[in-house]
Amino acid sequence: MKIHFVILLLFFFIQIISAQNKNICFTIDDLPVVSYGMNDTAFQRKLMDGIINSLKKHNIPAIGFVNERKLYSNDSVNKFQVSLLEKWLDNNLELGNHTFSHPDYNKVSFADFAQDVLKGELISKQILAERYKSLKYFRHPFLHIGNTKEKYDSLTNFLKSINYKIAPVTIDNEDYVFAVAYKRAKEKNDFTLAAKIGGDYITYMEKKLHFFENQSQKLFGKNINQILLMHASWLNSNYIDSLAIMLKKNGYNFISMDETLKDELYQTEITKFGNWGISWLDIWALSQGKKGDFFKDDPPTPDYIKKLAQ
């Protein structure tokens, strides 16, 4: 009887340790906000407040990636847009560089792209320095890392030379498609449809979570520290709270980008290149020669969402 009791305790102990080892980093692209043309400052402030308040509620050390083009109006600095980033920082959240104008590295030269990276750090560096912080991370627009080895190496070496670390993504998804559908439902005051979209978004994100957990297990025999990609949209302003609850239910802890990248698997070599913008787990799989069936069962975005977002 005692042996059975000890075995039972050991089982629960292992389950607890396993849950503690499931970690995820929240990354939010296209700061200050993705407004989809809704430029009212009160709306945008409420959108940002919704994101920040949900992150604070769940003690999520998120990082937001900035397109600094959004910080200008008619070539002058837009102080309101900058104030949104300042509020982000004043709530102990981190900022990264997402370029100035969100160019597609597959379609522009390395020289032009590098200039856009440098142009995209000016204001962020200033407001970070005022808070004794620095800009450390870079996120590729469209997740396009370079469609040839030469372009990949050129950009990677350039980023290292100016003291940036690359911020990968492991849980890629189409939250932006849900966001457009949600915005259109809300604009029509179709609150029933908006609620359905929000609920289906959380279900979709949970399926994506399980899919990429499985991909990590198949590649590495363990679940990597995951990095979730989202955008600073109205949808996420209203549903990060639900998303965090879902992730906690699945046993996840929320960690910073610094802590995430301590996972040695992020040093896995990339040897395959193409026009794709995909999860690093998929890039590593392609680099290891995985094909076909390895990538099946990736949860699709529901057809009605894609139709609403057209």
Protein backbone atom coordinates (compact mmCIF):
# COMPACT_ATOMS: atom_id res chain seq x y z
CA MET A 1 0.00 0.00 0.00
CA LYS A 2 2.82 2.37 0.89
CA ILE A 3 4.56 1.62 -2.41
CA HIS A 4 1.40 2.46 -4.33
CA PHE A 5 1.09 5.71 -2.38
CA VAL A 6 4.70 6.65 -3.16
CA ILE A 7 4.17 5.86 -6.85
CA LEU A 8 1.06 8.03 -6.87
CA LEU A 9 2.90 10.92 -5.24
CA LEU A 10 5.73 10.55 -7.73
CA PHE A 11 3.25 10.64 -10.60
CA PHE A 12 1.70 13.90 -9.37
CA PHE A 13 5.15 15.37 -8.74
CA ILE A 14 6.16 14.62 -12.32
CA GLN A 15 2.96 16.20 -13.59
CA ILE A 16 3.64 19.36 -11.60
CA ILE A 17 7.23 19.59 -12.83
CA SER A 18 6.07 18.98 -16.39
CA ALA A 19 3.54 21.81 -16.14
CA GLN A 20 6.17 24.15 -14.73
CA ASN A 21 8.36 23.44 -17.74
CA LYS A 22 5.73 24.62 -20.22
CA ASN A 23 6.67 28.20 -20.96
CA ILE A 24 5.47 30.76 -23.46
CA CYS A 25 6.53 34.27 -24.45
CA PHE A 26 3.93 36.78 -25.69
CA THR A 27 5.10 38.89 -28.64
CA ILE A 28 2.85 41.55 -30.12
CA ASP A 29 3.68 43.01 -33.53
CA ASP A 30 2.92 46.30 -35.27
CA LEU A 31 2.84 48.63 -32.27
CA PRO A 32 1.57 51.12 -31.30
CA VAL A 33 -1.75 49.71 -32.60
CA VAL A 34 -3.25 47.99 -35.62
CA SER A 35 -6.22 50.28 -36.15
CA TYR A 36 -7.49 49.14 -39.57
CA GLY A 37 -8.30 52.75 -40.34
CA MET A 38 -9.95 53.54 -37.00
CA ASN A 39 -7.87 56.58 -36.16
CA ASP A 40 -9.87 58.10 -33.31
CA THR A 41 -7.38 58.68 -30.50
CA ALA A 42 -9.85 57.69 -27.76
CA PHE A 43 -10.44 54.36 -29.51
CA GLN A 44 -6.74 53.73 -29.97
CA ARG A 45 -5.98 54.55 -26.34
CA LYS A 46 -8.73 52.19 -25.20
CA LEU A 47 -7.32 49.50 -27.50
CA MET A 48 -3.85 49.88 -26.03
CA ASP A 49 -5.23 50.01 -22.47
CA GLY A 50 -7.08 46.74 -23.08
CA ILE A 51 -3.89 44.99 -24.16
CA ILE A 52 -1.82 46.40 -21.29
CA ASN A 53 -4.43 45.72 -18.62
CA SER A 54 -4.84 42.08 -19.68
CA LEU A 55 -1.08 41.55 -19.74
CA LYS A 56 -0.76 43.08 -16.27
CA LYS A 57 -3.68 41.04 -14.93
CA HIS A 58 -1.88 37.81 -15.81
CA ASN A 59 1.68 39.04 -15.09
CA ILE A 60 2.73 38.50 -18.69
CA PRO A 61 6.17 40.01 -19.50
CA ALA A 62 5.32 40.69 -23.15
CA ILE A 63 7.43 42.36 -25.81
CA GLY A 64 5.93 44.59 -28.49
CA PHE A 65 7.56 45.20 -31.85
CA VAL A 66 7.28 48.71 -33.27
CA ASN A 67 6.82 50.03 -36.80
CA GLU A 68 8.08 53.57 -36.28
CA ARG A 69 6.37 54.85 -39.43
CA LYS A 70 3.23 54.86 -37.28
CA LEU A 71 4.86 57.42 -34.99
CA TYR A 72 4.74 60.16 -37.65
CA SER A 73 2.03 62.31 -39.20
CA ASN A 74 3.02 64.32 -42.29
CA ASP A 75 6.72 63.81 -41.49
CA SER A 76 6.29 65.17 -37.95
CA VAL A 77 6.42 63.11 -34.80
CA ASN A 78 2.92 62.23 -33.61
CA LYS A 79 3.14 62.72 -29.86
CA PHE A 80 -0.03 60.76 -29.21
CA GLN A 81 1.35 57.66 -30.92
CA VAL A 82 4.60 58.01 -28.99
CA SER A 83 2.61 58.34 -25.76
CA LEU A 84 1.08 54.91 -26.40
CA LEU A 85 4.56 53.40 -26.48
CA GLU A 86 5.56 55.34 -23.38
CA LYS A 87 2.58 53.92 -21.52
CA TRP A 88 3.60 50.44 -22.70
CA LEU A 89 7.08 50.94 -21.27
CA ASP A 90 5.80 52.49 -18.06
CA ASN A 91 3.91 49.26 -17.42
CA ASN A 92 7.20 47.30 -17.49
CA LEU A 93 6.66 45.85 -20.95
CA GLU A 94 9.46 45.56 -23.49
CA LEU A 95 9.91 47.01 -26.96
CA GLY A 96 11.65 45.64 -30.05
CA ASN A 97 12.37 46.82 -33.59
CA HIS A 98 10.01 45.68 -36.36
CA THR A 99 11.52 48.07 -38.95
CA PHE A 100 10.28 51.53 -39.88
CA SER A 101 7.87 50.70 -42.70
CA HIS A 102 7.38 46.90 -42.52
CA PRO A 103 9.11 46.11 -45.86
CA ASP A 104 9.19 42.62 -47.32
CA TYR A 105 12.83 41.45 -47.22
CA ASN A 106 12.09 39.01 -50.04
CA LYS A 107 11.24 41.94 -52.31
CA VAL A 108 13.81 44.61 -51.41
CA SER A 109 17.59 44.70 -51.40
CA PHE A 110 19.63 44.07 -48.29
CA ALA A 111 20.89 47.68 -48.37
CA ASP A 112 17.37 49.14 -48.46
CA PHE A 113 16.15 46.80 -45.77
CA ALA A 114 19.10 47.60 -43.49
CA GLN A 115 18.33 51.31 -43.79
CA ASP A 116 14.73 50.64 -42.82
CA VAL A 117 15.92 48.74 -39.74
CA LEU A 118 18.07 51.68 -38.66
CA LYS A 119 15.31 54.19 -39.36
CA GLY A 120 12.96 52.05 -37.28
CA GLU A 121 14.90 52.38 -34.04
CA LEU A 122 15.30 56.12 -33.55
CA ILE A 123 12.34 57.03 -31.36
CA SER A 124 12.20 53.66 -29.60
CA LYS A 125 15.82 53.97 -28.54
CA GLN A 126 15.20 57.47 -27.23
CA ILE A 127 12.18 56.64 -25.06
CA LEU A 128 13.86 53.47 -23.83
CA ALA A 129 17.01 55.38 -22.87
CA GLU A 130 14.88 57.82 -20.87
CA ARG A 131 13.88 54.79 -18.78
CA TYR A 132 17.42 53.35 -18.60
CA LYS A 133 16.50 50.54 -20.98
CA SER A 134 17.82 49.49 -24.36
CA LEU A 135 16.54 48.06 -27.65
CA LYS A 136 17.68 44.45 -27.93
CA TYR A 137 15.35 42.47 -30.20
CA PHE A 138 14.41 42.49 -33.87
CA ARG A 139 11.39 40.83 -35.46
CA HIS A 140 11.31 40.19 -39.23
CA PRO A 141 8.24 41.62 -41.02
CA PHE A 142 6.13 38.82 -42.50
CA LEU A 143 8.61 36.44 -40.78
CA HIS A 144 10.70 36.72 -43.95
CA ILE A 145 14.26 35.97 -42.84
CA GLY A 146 15.76 35.94 -46.36
CA ASN A 147 14.83 33.69 -49.27
CA THR A 148 18.44 32.74 -50.01
CA LYS A 149 21.34 31.84 -47.75
CA GLU A 150 23.16 34.96 -48.91
CA LYS A 151 20.30 37.28 -47.95
CA TYR A 152 19.77 35.46 -44.65
CA ASP A 153 23.47 35.66 -43.76
CA SER A 154 23.70 39.33 -44.76
CA LEU A 155 20.80 40.37 -42.54
CA THR A 156 21.72 38.09 -39.63
CA ASN A 157 25.29 39.36 -39.57
CA PHE A 158 24.12 42.97 -39.87
CA LEU A 159 21.72 42.61 -36.96
CA LYS A 160 24.48 41.09 -34.81
CA SER A 161 26.81 43.94 -35.74
CA ILE A 162 24.34 46.51 -34.34
CA ASN A 163 23.67 44.42 -31.21
CA TYR A 164 20.25 43.00 -32.05
CA LYS A 165 19.07 39.53 -31.19
CA ILE A 166 16.52 37.96 -33.51
CA ALA A 167 13.10 37.32 -31.99
CA PRO A 168 11.80 34.08 -33.54
CA VAL A 169 8.22 32.82 -33.61
CA THR A 170 7.23 29.23 -32.88
CA ILE A 171 3.42 29.56 -32.69
CA ASP A 172 2.59 31.24 -35.99
CA ASN A 173 -1.08 31.86 -36.73
CA GLU A 174 -3.57 34.01 -38.60
CA ASP A 175 -4.77 36.19 -35.73
CA TYR A 176 -4.73 39.12 -38.16
CA VAL A 177 -7.42 37.46 -40.29
CA PHE A 178 -9.63 36.95 -37.23
CA ALA A 179 -8.90 40.59 -36.31
CA VAL A 180 -10.26 41.95 -39.59
CA ALA A 181 -13.40 39.79 -39.31
CA TYR A 182 -13.88 40.91 -35.70
CA LYS A 183 -13.49 44.57 -36.56
CA ARG A 184 -16.10 44.31 -39.32
CA ALA A 185 -18.58 42.59 -37.00
CA LYS A 186 -18.05 45.25 -34.32
CA GLU A 187 -18.45 48.08 -36.83
CA LYS A 188 -21.86 46.66 -37.78
CA ASN A 189 -22.78 46.35 -34.09
CA ASP A 190 -23.24 42.61 -34.66
CA PHE A 191 -22.27 41.71 -31.12
CA THR A 192 -23.42 38.09 -31.47
CA LEU A 193 -21.13 37.56 -34.45
CA ALA A 194 -18.25 39.40 -32.74
CA ALA A 195 -18.59 37.14 -29.70
CA LYS A 196 -18.63 34.05 -31.92
CA ILE A 197 -15.47 35.24 -33.70
CA GLY A 198 -13.78 35.85 -30.36
CA GLY A 199 -14.72 32.44 -29.02
CA ASP A 200 -13.65 30.69 -32.21
CA TYR A 201 -10.37 32.63 -32.09
CA ILE A 202 -9.51 31.17 -28.69
CA THR A 203 -10.45 27.67 -29.88
CA TYR A 204 -8.28 28.15 -32.98
CA MET A 205 -5.33 29.40 -30.91
CA GLU A 206 -5.60 26.39 -28.60
CA LYS A 207 -5.49 24.08 -31.61
CA LYS A 208 -2.44 25.97 -32.89
CA LEU A 209 -0.80 25.61 -29.48
CA HIS A 210 -1.29 21.84 -29.51
CA PHE A 211 -0.11 21.56 -33.12
CA PHE A 212 3.17 23.36 -32.47
CA GLU A 213 3.69 21.50 -29.19
CA ASN A 214 3.44 18.32 -31.23
CA GLN A 215 5.83 19.68 -33.90
CA SER A 216 8.36 20.47 -31.19
CA GLN A 217 8.03 16.99 -29.72
CA LYS A 218 8.51 15.39 -33.14
CA LEU A 219 11.57 17.51 -33.89
CA PHE A 220 13.30 17.63 -30.52
CA GLY A 221 11.60 15.14 -28.22
CA LYS A 222 10.50 17.98 -25.93
CA ASN A 223 8.36 21.07 -25.91
CA ILE A 224 10.52 24.10 -26.64
CA ASN A 225 9.96 27.40 -24.82
CA GLN A 226 7.22 28.64 -27.14
CA ILE A 227 6.98 32.13 -28.67
CA LEU A 228 3.48 33.29 -29.59
CA LEU A 229 2.93 35.84 -32.36
CA MET A 230 0.01 38.28 -32.12
CA HIS A 231 -0.79 41.75 -33.37
CA ALA A 232 -1.89 44.89 -31.52
CA SER A 233 -5.49 44.67 -32.71
CA TRP A 234 -8.97 45.35 -31.32
CA LEU A 235 -9.53 41.58 -31.19
CA ASN A 236 -6.49 40.97 -29.02
CA SER A 237 -7.28 43.99 -26.86
CA ASN A 238 -10.53 42.25 -25.92
CA TYR A 239 -9.33 38.62 -25.93
CA ILE A 240 -5.80 38.47 -24.48
CA ASP A 241 -7.47 37.83 -21.12
CA SER A 242 -9.27 34.76 -22.52
CA LEU A 243 -6.11 33.68 -24.32
CA ALA A 244 -4.10 33.83 -21.11
CA ILE A 245 -6.75 31.80 -19.26
CA MET A 246 -6.63 29.16 -22.02
CA LEU A 247 -2.83 28.97 -21.85
CA LYS A 248 -2.88 28.62 -18.06
CA LYS A 249 -5.42 25.83 -18.42
CA ASN A 250 -2.88 24.11 -20.67
CA GLY A 251 -0.20 24.41 -18.00
CA TYR A 252 1.80 27.34 -19.35
CA ASN A 253 3.91 29.88 -17.51
CA PHE A 254 4.53 33.31 -19.03
CA ILE A 255 8.19 34.25 -19.49
CA SER A 256 10.23 37.04 -21.08
CA MET A 257 12.08 36.86 -24.38
CA ASP A 258 15.38 36.82 -22.48
CA GLU A 259 14.28 33.77 -20.51
CA THR A 260 12.75 32.10 -23.58
CA LEU A 261 15.93 32.19 -25.62
CA LYS A 262 17.91 30.44 -22.91
CA ASP A 263 16.48 27.26 -24.43
CA GLU A 264 19.47 25.85 -26.34
CA LEU A 265 17.21 24.59 -29.10
CA TYR A 266 17.00 28.17 -30.39
CA GLN A 267 20.56 27.64 -31.61
CA THR A 268 19.30 25.01 -34.09
CA GLU A 269 20.82 25.70 -37.51
CA ILE A 270 18.76 26.99 -40.43
CA THR A 271 19.87 25.58 -43.78
CA LYS A 272 16.78 25.85 -45.99
CA PHE A 273 15.51 29.12 -47.41
CA GLY A 274 12.48 30.19 -49.41
CA ASN A 275 9.76 32.79 -49.79
CA TRP A 276 7.85 31.46 -46.80
CA GLY A 277 6.97 33.34 -43.62
CA ILE A 278 6.49 30.51 -41.18
CA SER A 279 7.18 29.27 -37.66
CA TRP A 280 10.81 28.61 -36.75
CA LEU A 281 9.69 25.07 -35.89
CA ASP A 282 8.68 24.64 -39.52
CA ILE A 283 11.92 26.24 -40.75
CA TRP A 284 13.98 23.89 -38.57
CA ALA A 285 11.91 20.95 -39.82
CA LEU A 286 12.57 21.91 -43.44
CA SER A 287 16.25 22.35 -42.60
CA GLN A 288 16.25 18.79 -41.25
CA GLY A 289 14.72 17.47 -44.46
CA LYS A 290 11.16 17.01 -43.19
CA LYS A 291 8.50 16.89 -45.89
CA GLY A 292 4.83 16.32 -46.59
CA ASP A 293 3.14 14.50 -43.75
CA PHE A 294 5.31 16.17 -41.11
CA PHE A 295 3.37 19.41 -41.65
CA LYS A 296 -0.14 17.97 -41.94
CA ASP A 297 -2.88 18.74 -39.44
CA ASP A 298 -1.94 22.43 -39.10
CA PRO A 299 -5.26 23.91 -37.93
CA PRO A 300 -6.86 26.04 -40.65
CA THR A 301 -8.58 29.37 -40.19
CA PRO A 302 -12.37 28.77 -40.44
CA ASP A 303 -13.80 29.54 -43.88
CA TYR A 304 -16.37 31.99 -42.50
CA ILE A 305 -13.58 34.02 -40.90
CA LYS A 306 -11.64 34.20 -44.17
CA LYS A 307 -14.80 35.23 -46.01
CA LEU A 308 -15.56 37.99 -43.51
CA ALA A 309 -11.97 39.27 -43.77
CA GLN A 310 -11.93 39.45 -47.57
